[in-house]
Amino acid sequence: MRLYHVPGSRSTRVLWTLEEIGQPYELTVLGRERLADSDPHRQRHPLGRVPVIELDDGRHLFESGAICLYLADLHPEAQLIPALATTERGLVYQWTVFAMSELEPKFFDWRFAERRGKDEGTARAAFEPVAVAIRDAVTRAEWIAGETFTVADVMCASILAKIADYDLGPDFAPLRAYVERALARPAKLRAEAVVDQ
């Protein structure tokens, strides 16, 4: 299995998941050039983006959430996803989809407004209920879907990695603590070290 990776992109979620699994994989680090203009890469991903994994049979998968869920299924021994047909597994699906459909767009809108020096009020107001949902979940349990770390935590924490840079106030201390716990995991630290070599 090979991961096509651009450091600092959504492919970092897949790299983290691979390190959590602990099985061998190959890594192709790509630059930030316009991958969409690269015919070889467009054969891997129709929009020329990352992440993409190349399977041993030569087929490709893209979309970080889908890849991470697939990898968790492929390696149940890593315990990154609960058993089939359990409520616990449904919660992992729920929070993984939530990360992609609610958390990422709202948090990134806020980040982009701040970076561009625009009024952050609307973007922050849209993000806060999403942050409350995650904060409440991680107040009830150590991880987003319960007491066990899962791919849903990879997705949520990777999106929220820069949350410490934003002033959410003391009510969001559990959210910050959750992100810090996740980012301190040995597999996450290994994933960061992989591309620094």
N, C-alpha and C. Protein backbone atom coordinates (compact mmCIF):
# COMPACT_ATOMS: atom_id res chain seq x y z
N MET A 1 0.84 -1.18 0.00
CA MET A 1 0.00 0.00 0.00
C MET A 1 0.89 1.24 0.00
N ARG A 2 0.48 2.22 -0.82
CA ARG A 2 1.24 3.46 -0.93
C ARG A 2 0.31 4.65 -0.70
N LEU A 3 0.79 5.60 0.10
CA LEU A 3 0.07 6.84 0.32
C LEU A 3 0.75 7.95 -0.46
N TYR A 4 -0.04 8.68 -1.26
CA TYR A 4 0.42 9.89 -1.92
C TYR A 4 0.06 11.04 -0.99
N HIS A 5 1.10 11.76 -0.56
CA HIS A 5 0.97 12.67 0.57
C HIS A 5 1.57 14.03 0.28
N VAL A 6 0.86 15.08 0.69
CA VAL A 6 1.41 16.43 0.69
C VAL A 6 1.42 16.89 2.15
N PRO A 7 2.59 17.16 2.73
CA PRO A 7 2.64 17.60 4.13
C PRO A 7 1.74 18.80 4.38
N GLY A 8 1.04 18.77 5.51
CA GLY A 8 0.15 19.86 5.88
C GLY A 8 -1.21 19.82 5.22
N SER A 9 -1.48 18.77 4.46
CA SER A 9 -2.76 18.65 3.77
C SER A 9 -3.64 17.61 4.48
N ARG A 10 -4.80 17.34 3.89
CA ARG A 10 -5.71 16.34 4.46
C ARG A 10 -5.10 14.93 4.48
N SER A 11 -4.05 14.73 3.70
CA SER A 11 -3.42 13.40 3.70
C SER A 11 -2.70 13.11 5.01
N THR A 12 -2.49 14.14 5.86
CA THR A 12 -1.87 13.88 7.17
C THR A 12 -2.76 12.98 8.02
N ARG A 13 -4.08 13.05 7.81
CA ARG A 13 -5.00 12.18 8.56
C ARG A 13 -4.76 10.72 8.22
N VAL A 14 -4.52 10.46 6.95
CA VAL A 14 -4.28 9.08 6.52
C VAL A 14 -2.92 8.60 7.04
N LEU A 15 -1.92 9.46 6.98
CA LEU A 15 -0.60 9.11 7.50
C LEU A 15 -0.69 8.78 8.99
N TRP A 16 -1.43 9.57 9.74
CA TRP A 16 -1.63 9.31 11.17
C TRP A 16 -2.32 7.97 11.36
N THR A 17 -3.35 7.69 10.59
CA THR A 17 -4.06 6.41 10.70
C THR A 17 -3.13 5.24 10.40
N LEU A 18 -2.31 5.38 9.37
CA LEU A 18 -1.36 4.32 9.04
C LEU A 18 -0.40 4.07 10.20
N GLU A 19 0.04 5.14 10.85
CA GLU A 19 0.94 4.97 11.99
C GLU A 19 0.21 4.35 13.18
N GLU A 20 -1.05 4.66 13.38
CA GLU A 20 -1.83 4.01 14.43
C GLU A 20 -1.94 2.51 14.17
N ILE A 21 -2.06 2.13 12.92
CA ILE A 21 -2.20 0.71 12.56
C ILE A 21 -0.88 -0.02 12.77
N GLY A 22 0.22 0.61 12.40
CA GLY A 22 1.52 0.02 12.66
C GLY A 22 1.97 -1.03 11.67
N GLN A 23 1.35 -1.09 10.50
CA GLN A 23 1.76 -2.04 9.46
C GLN A 23 2.59 -1.30 8.41
N PRO A 24 3.45 -2.02 7.68
CA PRO A 24 4.29 -1.34 6.67
C PRO A 24 3.45 -0.68 5.58
N TYR A 25 3.93 0.43 5.09
CA TYR A 25 3.32 1.12 3.96
C TYR A 25 4.41 1.91 3.25
N GLU A 26 4.13 2.31 2.03
CA GLU A 26 5.07 3.14 1.28
C GLU A 26 4.49 4.54 1.21
N LEU A 27 5.38 5.52 1.11
CA LEU A 27 4.96 6.91 1.12
C LEU A 27 5.61 7.64 -0.06
N THR A 28 4.78 8.31 -0.83
CA THR A 28 5.28 9.20 -1.87
C THR A 28 4.88 10.61 -1.48
N VAL A 29 5.89 11.43 -1.17
CA VAL A 29 5.64 12.81 -0.77
C VAL A 29 5.66 13.67 -2.02
N LEU A 30 4.58 14.40 -2.21
CA LEU A 30 4.43 15.27 -3.36
C LEU A 30 4.58 16.72 -2.92
N GLY A 31 4.97 17.57 -3.83
CA GLY A 31 5.05 18.99 -3.53
C GLY A 31 3.68 19.63 -3.65
N ARG A 32 3.63 20.92 -3.36
CA ARG A 32 2.35 21.64 -3.44
C ARG A 32 2.09 22.22 -4.83
N GLU A 33 2.83 21.71 -5.83
CA GLU A 33 2.56 22.18 -7.19
C GLU A 33 1.14 21.77 -7.58
N ARG A 34 0.68 22.26 -8.70
CA ARG A 34 -0.70 21.99 -9.11
C ARG A 34 -0.85 20.54 -9.54
N LEU A 35 -1.19 19.70 -8.59
CA LEU A 35 -1.37 18.28 -8.88
C LEU A 35 -2.48 18.06 -9.89
N ALA A 36 -3.46 18.97 -9.90
CA ALA A 36 -4.57 18.84 -10.85
C ALA A 36 -4.09 18.91 -12.29
N ASP A 37 -2.91 19.52 -12.53
CA ASP A 37 -2.36 19.62 -13.88
C ASP A 37 -1.47 18.44 -14.24
N SER A 38 -1.31 17.51 -13.29
CA SER A 38 -0.44 16.35 -13.51
C SER A 38 -1.28 15.17 -13.99
N ASP A 39 -1.09 14.76 -15.25
CA ASP A 39 -1.87 13.65 -15.77
C ASP A 39 -1.69 12.37 -14.96
N PRO A 40 -0.44 12.02 -14.57
CA PRO A 40 -0.31 10.80 -13.76
C PRO A 40 -1.11 10.87 -12.45
N HIS A 41 -1.10 12.05 -11.80
CA HIS A 41 -1.83 12.12 -10.53
C HIS A 41 -3.33 12.17 -10.75
N ARG A 42 -3.79 12.78 -11.84
CA ARG A 42 -5.23 12.80 -12.12
C ARG A 42 -5.75 11.40 -12.41
N GLN A 43 -4.88 10.49 -12.80
CA GLN A 43 -5.30 9.09 -12.96
C GLN A 43 -5.53 8.43 -11.61
N ARG A 44 -4.89 8.97 -10.57
CA ARG A 44 -5.10 8.46 -9.21
C ARG A 44 -6.30 9.11 -8.56
N HIS A 45 -6.48 10.41 -8.79
CA HIS A 45 -7.58 11.18 -8.20
C HIS A 45 -8.14 12.08 -9.30
N PRO A 46 -9.42 11.98 -9.59
CA PRO A 46 -9.97 12.73 -10.73
C PRO A 46 -9.84 14.24 -10.61
N LEU A 47 -9.67 14.77 -9.39
CA LEU A 47 -9.51 16.20 -9.20
C LEU A 47 -8.05 16.59 -8.95
N GLY A 48 -7.16 15.61 -8.98
CA GLY A 48 -5.74 15.89 -8.78
C GLY A 48 -5.40 16.31 -7.37
N ARG A 49 -6.06 15.72 -6.37
CA ARG A 49 -5.84 16.11 -4.97
C ARG A 49 -5.23 14.95 -4.18
N VAL A 50 -4.91 15.23 -2.93
CA VAL A 50 -4.51 14.20 -1.98
C VAL A 50 -5.48 14.26 -0.81
N PRO A 51 -5.61 13.18 -0.07
CA PRO A 51 -4.84 11.94 -0.14
C PRO A 51 -5.37 10.99 -1.20
N VAL A 52 -4.45 10.12 -1.61
CA VAL A 52 -4.78 8.96 -2.43
C VAL A 52 -3.97 7.81 -1.87
N ILE A 53 -4.60 6.65 -1.74
CA ILE A 53 -3.81 5.45 -1.45
C ILE A 53 -3.91 4.53 -2.65
N GLU A 54 -2.78 3.91 -2.95
CA GLU A 54 -2.72 2.91 -4.00
C GLU A 54 -2.67 1.55 -3.31
N LEU A 55 -3.65 0.73 -3.63
CA LEU A 55 -3.74 -0.59 -3.01
C LEU A 55 -2.79 -1.56 -3.70
N ASP A 56 -2.59 -2.70 -3.08
CA ASP A 56 -1.65 -3.68 -3.61
C ASP A 56 -2.07 -4.19 -4.99
N ASP A 57 -3.38 -4.11 -5.30
CA ASP A 57 -3.84 -4.57 -6.62
C ASP A 57 -3.82 -3.45 -7.66
N GLY A 58 -3.25 -2.28 -7.29
CA GLY A 58 -3.12 -1.18 -8.23
C GLY A 58 -4.28 -0.21 -8.26
N ARG A 59 -5.38 -0.53 -7.59
CA ARG A 59 -6.50 0.40 -7.55
C ARG A 59 -6.22 1.52 -6.56
N HIS A 60 -6.98 2.61 -6.69
CA HIS A 60 -6.78 3.78 -5.85
C HIS A 60 -8.04 4.14 -5.08
N LEU A 61 -7.84 4.69 -3.89
CA LEU A 61 -8.93 5.25 -3.10
C LEU A 61 -8.56 6.68 -2.74
N PHE A 62 -9.57 7.56 -2.73
CA PHE A 62 -9.34 8.94 -2.30
C PHE A 62 -10.45 9.34 -1.34
N GLU A 63 -10.32 10.53 -0.76
CA GLU A 63 -11.15 11.10 0.31
C GLU A 63 -10.66 10.58 1.67
N SER A 64 -10.16 11.50 2.49
CA SER A 64 -9.51 11.10 3.74
C SER A 64 -10.40 10.31 4.67
N GLY A 65 -11.66 10.72 4.83
CA GLY A 65 -12.56 9.99 5.72
C GLY A 65 -12.78 8.57 5.25
N ALA A 66 -13.02 8.41 3.95
CA ALA A 66 -13.24 7.08 3.39
C ALA A 66 -12.00 6.20 3.55
N ILE A 67 -10.84 6.77 3.28
CA ILE A 67 -9.59 6.00 3.40
C ILE A 67 -9.37 5.56 4.84
N CYS A 68 -9.55 6.49 5.79
CA CYS A 68 -9.31 6.14 7.20
C CYS A 68 -10.28 5.06 7.68
N LEU A 69 -11.54 5.15 7.29
CA LEU A 69 -12.50 4.11 7.66
C LEU A 69 -12.11 2.77 7.01
N TYR A 70 -11.71 2.81 5.76
CA TYR A 70 -11.29 1.59 5.07
C TYR A 70 -10.10 0.95 5.77
N LEU A 71 -9.10 1.77 6.11
CA LEU A 71 -7.92 1.23 6.79
C LEU A 71 -8.27 0.62 8.13
N ALA A 72 -9.19 1.25 8.85
CA ALA A 72 -9.62 0.69 10.14
C ALA A 72 -10.30 -0.65 9.93
N ASP A 73 -11.12 -0.77 8.89
CA ASP A 73 -11.76 -2.05 8.57
C ASP A 73 -10.73 -3.10 8.17
N LEU A 74 -9.75 -2.68 7.40
CA LEU A 74 -8.73 -3.60 6.90
C LEU A 74 -7.85 -4.15 8.02
N HIS A 75 -7.71 -3.38 9.10
CA HIS A 75 -6.84 -3.76 10.22
C HIS A 75 -7.60 -3.70 11.54
N PRO A 76 -8.54 -4.62 11.75
CA PRO A 76 -9.33 -4.58 12.99
C PRO A 76 -8.48 -4.75 14.24
N GLU A 77 -7.31 -5.37 14.09
CA GLU A 77 -6.43 -5.57 15.25
C GLU A 77 -5.96 -4.24 15.84
N ALA A 78 -5.99 -3.17 15.05
CA ALA A 78 -5.59 -1.85 15.55
C ALA A 78 -6.67 -1.22 16.42
N GLN A 79 -7.85 -1.75 16.39
CA GLN A 79 -8.98 -1.31 17.23
C GLN A 79 -9.30 0.17 17.02
N LEU A 80 -9.28 0.59 15.77
CA LEU A 80 -9.62 1.98 15.44
C LEU A 80 -11.09 2.14 15.06
N ILE A 81 -11.82 1.01 15.02
CA ILE A 81 -13.24 1.07 14.74
C ILE A 81 -13.91 -0.12 15.44
N PRO A 82 -15.04 0.09 16.11
CA PRO A 82 -15.72 -1.01 16.81
C PRO A 82 -16.31 -2.04 15.84
N ALA A 83 -16.84 -3.08 16.40
CA ALA A 83 -17.37 -4.19 15.61
C ALA A 83 -18.56 -3.76 14.76
N LEU A 84 -18.74 -4.47 13.65
CA LEU A 84 -19.88 -4.23 12.77
C LEU A 84 -21.21 -4.32 13.52
N ALA A 85 -22.15 -3.52 13.08
CA ALA A 85 -23.54 -3.56 13.56
C ALA A 85 -23.68 -3.22 15.03
N THR A 86 -22.71 -2.46 15.57
CA THR A 86 -22.83 -2.00 16.96
C THR A 86 -23.12 -0.50 16.95
N THR A 87 -23.75 -0.05 18.00
CA THR A 87 -23.99 1.39 18.14
C THR A 87 -22.67 2.15 18.19
N GLU A 88 -21.67 1.54 18.81
CA GLU A 88 -20.37 2.19 18.92
C GLU A 88 -19.77 2.45 17.53
N ARG A 89 -19.96 1.49 16.63
CA ARG A 89 -19.47 1.69 15.25
C ARG A 89 -20.27 2.81 14.57
N GLY A 90 -21.56 2.82 14.80
CA GLY A 90 -22.39 3.90 14.25
C GLY A 90 -21.92 5.26 14.71
N LEU A 91 -21.49 5.36 15.96
CA LEU A 91 -20.98 6.63 16.47
C LEU A 91 -19.69 7.04 15.75
N VAL A 92 -18.85 6.08 15.41
CA VAL A 92 -17.63 6.40 14.66
C VAL A 92 -18.01 6.93 13.27
N TYR A 93 -18.97 6.28 12.61
CA TYR A 93 -19.45 6.80 11.33
C TYR A 93 -19.99 8.22 11.51
N GLN A 94 -20.82 8.40 12.54
CA GLN A 94 -21.44 9.70 12.78
C GLN A 94 -20.40 10.80 12.90
N TRP A 95 -19.42 10.60 13.78
CA TRP A 95 -18.45 11.66 14.03
C TRP A 95 -17.47 11.84 12.89
N THR A 96 -17.19 10.78 12.13
CA THR A 96 -16.33 10.92 10.95
C THR A 96 -17.02 11.77 9.89
N VAL A 97 -18.30 11.49 9.65
CA VAL A 97 -19.06 12.29 8.68
C VAL A 97 -19.23 13.71 9.19
N PHE A 98 -19.50 13.86 10.48
CA PHE A 98 -19.64 15.18 11.10
C PHE A 98 -18.36 16.00 10.90
N ALA A 99 -17.22 15.34 11.07
CA ALA A 99 -15.93 16.03 10.90
C ALA A 99 -15.82 16.62 9.51
N MET A 100 -16.24 15.86 8.50
CA MET A 100 -16.08 16.31 7.13
C MET A 100 -17.17 17.29 6.70
N SER A 101 -18.39 17.08 7.16
CA SER A 101 -19.50 17.88 6.66
C SER A 101 -19.81 19.11 7.49
N GLU A 102 -19.50 19.08 8.78
CA GLU A 102 -19.81 20.20 9.67
C GLU A 102 -18.56 20.88 10.22
N LEU A 103 -17.69 20.09 10.82
CA LEU A 103 -16.54 20.66 11.52
C LEU A 103 -15.55 21.32 10.56
N GLU A 104 -15.10 20.58 9.57
CA GLU A 104 -14.07 21.12 8.69
C GLU A 104 -14.51 22.41 7.97
N PRO A 105 -15.67 22.44 7.32
CA PRO A 105 -16.04 23.69 6.64
C PRO A 105 -16.18 24.88 7.59
N LYS A 106 -16.76 24.65 8.76
CA LYS A 106 -16.99 25.77 9.68
C LYS A 106 -15.67 26.27 10.30
N PHE A 107 -14.82 25.35 10.71
CA PHE A 107 -13.55 25.75 11.32
C PHE A 107 -12.65 26.42 10.28
N PHE A 108 -12.59 25.85 9.07
CA PHE A 108 -11.74 26.43 8.04
C PHE A 108 -12.26 27.80 7.60
N ASP A 109 -13.57 27.99 7.54
CA ASP A 109 -14.11 29.32 7.22
C ASP A 109 -13.63 30.35 8.23
N TRP A 110 -13.65 29.97 9.51
CA TRP A 110 -13.18 30.88 10.56
C TRP A 110 -11.70 31.17 10.40
N ARG A 111 -10.90 30.11 10.17
CA ARG A 111 -9.46 30.28 9.99
C ARG A 111 -9.15 31.18 8.80
N PHE A 112 -9.86 30.96 7.69
CA PHE A 112 -9.59 31.76 6.50
C PHE A 112 -9.98 33.21 6.71
N ALA A 113 -11.08 33.47 7.41
CA ALA A 113 -11.48 34.85 7.71
C ALA A 113 -10.40 35.54 8.54
N GLU A 114 -9.88 34.82 9.53
CA GLU A 114 -8.84 35.39 10.39
C GLU A 114 -7.56 35.65 9.60
N ARG A 115 -7.16 34.71 8.76
CA ARG A 115 -5.93 34.85 7.97
C ARG A 115 -6.02 36.02 7.00
N ARG A 116 -7.19 36.23 6.45
CA ARG A 116 -7.37 37.27 5.43
C ARG A 116 -7.74 38.62 6.03
N GLY A 117 -7.77 38.69 7.36
CA GLY A 117 -8.07 39.95 8.02
C GLY A 117 -9.51 40.40 7.85
N LYS A 118 -10.40 39.47 7.61
CA LYS A 118 -11.81 39.79 7.41
C LYS A 118 -12.55 39.69 8.74
N ASP A 119 -13.77 40.19 8.77
CA ASP A 119 -14.61 40.09 9.96
C ASP A 119 -14.85 38.61 10.26
N GLU A 120 -14.48 38.19 11.48
CA GLU A 120 -14.59 36.79 11.86
C GLU A 120 -15.92 36.46 12.53
N GLY A 121 -16.73 37.46 12.82
CA GLY A 121 -17.94 37.24 13.61
C GLY A 121 -18.88 36.20 13.07
N THR A 122 -19.21 36.27 11.80
CA THR A 122 -20.15 35.32 11.20
C THR A 122 -19.56 33.91 11.21
N ALA A 123 -18.29 33.80 10.81
CA ALA A 123 -17.63 32.49 10.75
C ALA A 123 -17.52 31.88 12.14
N ARG A 124 -17.16 32.68 13.12
CA ARG A 124 -17.06 32.18 14.49
C ARG A 124 -18.42 31.73 15.01
N ALA A 125 -19.46 32.51 14.75
CA ALA A 125 -20.80 32.16 15.19
C ALA A 125 -21.26 30.85 14.57
N ALA A 126 -20.89 30.59 13.33
CA ALA A 126 -21.25 29.33 12.68
C ALA A 126 -20.47 28.16 13.24
N PHE A 127 -19.23 28.43 13.68
CA PHE A 127 -18.39 27.35 14.22
C PHE A 127 -18.79 26.95 15.65
N GLU A 128 -19.23 27.88 16.45
CA GLU A 128 -19.45 27.61 17.87
C GLU A 128 -20.39 26.45 18.17
N PRO A 129 -21.56 26.32 17.52
CA PRO A 129 -22.41 25.16 17.83
C PRO A 129 -21.75 23.82 17.48
N VAL A 130 -20.92 23.84 16.45
CA VAL A 130 -20.19 22.62 16.07
C VAL A 130 -19.18 22.29 17.16
N ALA A 131 -18.48 23.31 17.65
CA ALA A 131 -17.51 23.11 18.73
C ALA A 131 -18.19 22.64 20.00
N VAL A 132 -19.38 23.17 20.27
CA VAL A 132 -20.14 22.75 21.46
C VAL A 132 -20.47 21.26 21.36
N ALA A 133 -20.87 20.80 20.18
CA ALA A 133 -21.22 19.39 20.00
C ALA A 133 -20.04 18.49 20.32
N ILE A 134 -18.87 18.85 19.83
CA ILE A 134 -17.68 18.04 20.11
C ILE A 134 -17.27 18.17 21.56
N ARG A 135 -17.28 19.39 22.08
CA ARG A 135 -16.93 19.59 23.49
C ARG A 135 -17.81 18.74 24.40
N ASP A 136 -19.10 18.72 24.13
CA ASP A 136 -20.01 17.94 24.97
C ASP A 136 -19.72 16.45 24.88
N ALA A 137 -19.39 15.98 23.68
CA ALA A 137 -19.08 14.54 23.50
C ALA A 137 -17.83 14.17 24.28
N VAL A 138 -16.81 15.01 24.23
CA VAL A 138 -15.54 14.67 24.91
C VAL A 138 -15.58 15.05 26.39
N THR A 139 -16.65 15.67 26.84
CA THR A 139 -16.85 15.87 28.27
C THR A 139 -17.45 14.61 28.88
N ARG A 140 -18.26 13.90 28.09
CA ARG A 140 -18.89 12.67 28.56
C ARG A 140 -17.96 11.47 28.54
N ALA A 141 -16.98 11.48 27.63
CA ALA A 141 -16.06 10.35 27.47
C ALA A 141 -14.70 10.88 27.05
N GLU A 142 -13.69 10.04 27.14
CA GLU A 142 -12.33 10.48 26.81
C GLU A 142 -12.18 10.82 25.34
N TRP A 143 -12.85 10.07 24.48
CA TRP A 143 -12.72 10.26 23.04
C TRP A 143 -14.08 10.57 22.44
N ILE A 144 -14.10 10.98 21.19
CA ILE A 144 -15.31 11.51 20.57
C ILE A 144 -16.45 10.49 20.52
N ALA A 145 -16.14 9.22 20.31
CA ALA A 145 -17.18 8.20 20.19
C ALA A 145 -17.24 7.29 21.41
N GLY A 146 -16.54 7.64 22.47
CA GLY A 146 -16.57 6.80 23.68
C GLY A 146 -15.22 6.77 24.37
N GLU A 147 -14.94 5.65 25.01
CA GLU A 147 -13.71 5.54 25.80
C GLU A 147 -12.51 5.02 25.01
N THR A 148 -12.70 4.72 23.72
CA THR A 148 -11.62 4.19 22.89
C THR A 148 -11.32 5.15 21.75
N PHE A 149 -10.04 5.37 21.50
CA PHE A 149 -9.59 6.20 20.38
C PHE A 149 -9.95 5.50 19.08
N THR A 150 -10.52 6.26 18.12
CA THR A 150 -10.93 5.69 16.83
C THR A 150 -10.53 6.62 15.69
N VAL A 151 -10.85 6.17 14.48
CA VAL A 151 -10.57 7.02 13.31
C VAL A 151 -11.38 8.32 13.39
N ALA A 152 -12.49 8.33 14.07
CA ALA A 152 -13.25 9.58 14.23
C ALA A 152 -12.42 10.62 14.98
N ASP A 153 -11.60 10.16 15.91
CA ASP A 153 -10.71 11.10 16.63
C ASP A 153 -9.60 11.60 15.71
N VAL A 154 -9.08 10.74 14.85
CA VAL A 154 -8.09 11.20 13.87
C VAL A 154 -8.69 12.33 13.05
N MET A 155 -9.91 12.12 12.58
CA MET A 155 -10.54 13.12 11.73
C MET A 155 -10.79 14.43 12.50
N CYS A 156 -11.43 14.33 13.64
CA CYS A 156 -11.79 15.55 14.39
C CYS A 156 -10.55 16.29 14.90
N ALA A 157 -9.65 15.57 15.52
CA ALA A 157 -8.47 16.23 16.11
C ALA A 157 -7.55 16.81 15.04
N SER A 158 -7.44 16.15 13.90
CA SER A 158 -6.58 16.69 12.85
C SER A 158 -7.13 18.01 12.32
N ILE A 159 -8.45 18.13 12.24
CA ILE A 159 -9.06 19.38 11.81
C ILE A 159 -8.86 20.46 12.86
N LEU A 160 -8.98 20.08 14.13
CA LEU A 160 -8.90 21.05 15.23
C LEU A 160 -7.47 21.28 15.73
N ALA A 161 -6.48 20.80 14.99
CA ALA A 161 -5.10 20.87 15.48
C ALA A 161 -4.65 22.29 15.83
N LYS A 162 -5.20 23.29 15.19
CA LYS A 162 -4.81 24.68 15.44
C LYS A 162 -5.75 25.39 16.40
N ILE A 163 -6.61 24.65 17.10
CA ILE A 163 -7.64 25.27 17.94
C ILE A 163 -7.02 26.14 19.04
N ALA A 164 -5.83 25.82 19.49
CA ALA A 164 -5.19 26.61 20.55
C ALA A 164 -4.91 28.04 20.11
N ASP A 165 -4.88 28.27 18.79
CA ASP A 165 -4.61 29.61 18.28
C ASP A 165 -5.84 30.52 18.32
N TYR A 166 -7.00 29.96 18.70
CA TYR A 166 -8.25 30.71 18.63
C TYR A 166 -8.85 30.86 20.02
N ASP A 167 -9.38 32.02 20.30
CA ASP A 167 -9.93 32.32 21.61
C ASP A 167 -11.39 31.88 21.69
N LEU A 168 -11.60 30.74 22.31
CA LEU A 168 -12.96 30.24 22.51
C LEU A 168 -13.43 30.43 23.95
N GLY A 169 -12.53 30.84 24.82
CA GLY A 169 -12.92 31.07 26.20
C GLY A 169 -12.83 29.81 27.05
N PRO A 170 -13.01 29.96 28.37
CA PRO A 170 -12.82 28.85 29.29
C PRO A 170 -13.84 27.72 29.14
N ASP A 171 -15.01 28.00 28.58
CA ASP A 171 -16.02 26.95 28.41
C ASP A 171 -15.55 25.84 27.48
N PHE A 172 -14.53 26.14 26.67
CA PHE A 172 -14.08 25.16 25.70
C PHE A 172 -12.79 24.45 26.12
N ALA A 173 -12.45 24.54 27.41
CA ALA A 173 -11.25 23.84 27.91
C ALA A 173 -11.29 22.35 27.63
N PRO A 174 -12.44 21.66 27.78
CA PRO A 174 -12.46 20.22 27.46
C PRO A 174 -12.14 19.93 25.99
N LEU A 175 -12.53 20.83 25.10
CA LEU A 175 -12.23 20.64 23.68
C LEU A 175 -10.73 20.76 23.44
N ARG A 176 -10.12 21.77 24.03
CA ARG A 176 -8.66 21.93 23.90
C ARG A 176 -7.91 20.73 24.48
N ALA A 177 -8.36 20.26 25.64
CA ALA A 177 -7.70 19.12 26.28
C ALA A 177 -7.82 17.87 25.41
N TYR A 178 -8.97 17.69 24.79
CA TYR A 178 -9.19 16.55 23.88
C TYR A 178 -8.20 16.60 22.72
N VAL A 179 -8.08 17.75 22.09
CA VAL A 179 -7.18 17.89 20.94
C VAL A 179 -5.74 17.65 21.39
N GLU A 180 -5.35 18.18 22.53
CA GLU A 180 -3.98 17.97 23.03
C GLU A 180 -3.71 16.49 23.28
N ARG A 181 -4.69 15.77 23.86
CA ARG A 181 -4.53 14.32 24.09
C ARG A 181 -4.30 13.59 22.78
N ALA A 182 -5.11 13.93 21.80
CA ALA A 182 -5.01 13.24 20.52
C ALA A 182 -3.68 13.52 19.83
N LEU A 183 -3.29 14.79 19.81
CA LEU A 183 -2.06 15.17 19.12
C LEU A 183 -0.80 14.67 19.81
N ALA A 184 -0.92 14.28 21.08
CA ALA A 184 0.22 13.75 21.83
C ALA A 184 0.39 12.24 21.66
N ARG A 185 -0.53 11.60 20.93
CA ARG A 185 -0.41 10.15 20.76
C ARG A 185 0.88 9.80 20.02
N PRO A 186 1.54 8.71 20.43
CA PRO A 186 2.80 8.33 19.77
C PRO A 186 2.67 8.18 18.25
N ALA A 187 1.55 7.63 17.78
CA ALA A 187 1.38 7.46 16.33
C ALA A 187 1.33 8.81 15.62
N LYS A 188 0.70 9.79 16.22
CA LYS A 188 0.65 11.13 15.62
C LYS A 188 2.05 11.73 15.57
N LEU A 189 2.81 11.56 16.63
CA LEU A 189 4.18 12.09 16.66
C LEU A 189 5.05 11.37 15.63
N ARG A 190 4.85 10.07 15.47
CA ARG A 190 5.60 9.33 14.44
C ARG A 190 5.23 9.83 13.05
N ALA A 191 3.95 10.08 12.81
CA ALA A 191 3.51 10.57 11.51
C ALA A 191 4.16 11.90 11.19
N GLU A 192 4.27 12.77 12.19
CA GLU A 192 4.93 14.06 11.97
C GLU A 192 6.41 13.88 11.66
N ALA A 193 7.03 12.91 12.31
CA ALA A 193 8.46 12.68 12.12
C ALA A 193 8.77 12.05 10.76
N VAL A 194 7.82 11.32 10.20
CA VAL A 194 8.05 10.62 8.93
C VAL A 194 8.47 11.59 7.85
N VAL A 195 7.79 12.70 7.72
CA VAL A 195 8.10 13.65 6.65
C VAL A 195 9.18 14.64 7.03
N ASP A 196 9.62 14.63 8.27
CA ASP A 196 10.70 15.51 8.70
C ASP A 196 12.07 14.88 8.46
N GLN A 197 12.09 13.62 8.08
CA GLN A 197 13.37 12.92 7.92
C GLN A 197 14.07 13.33 6.65
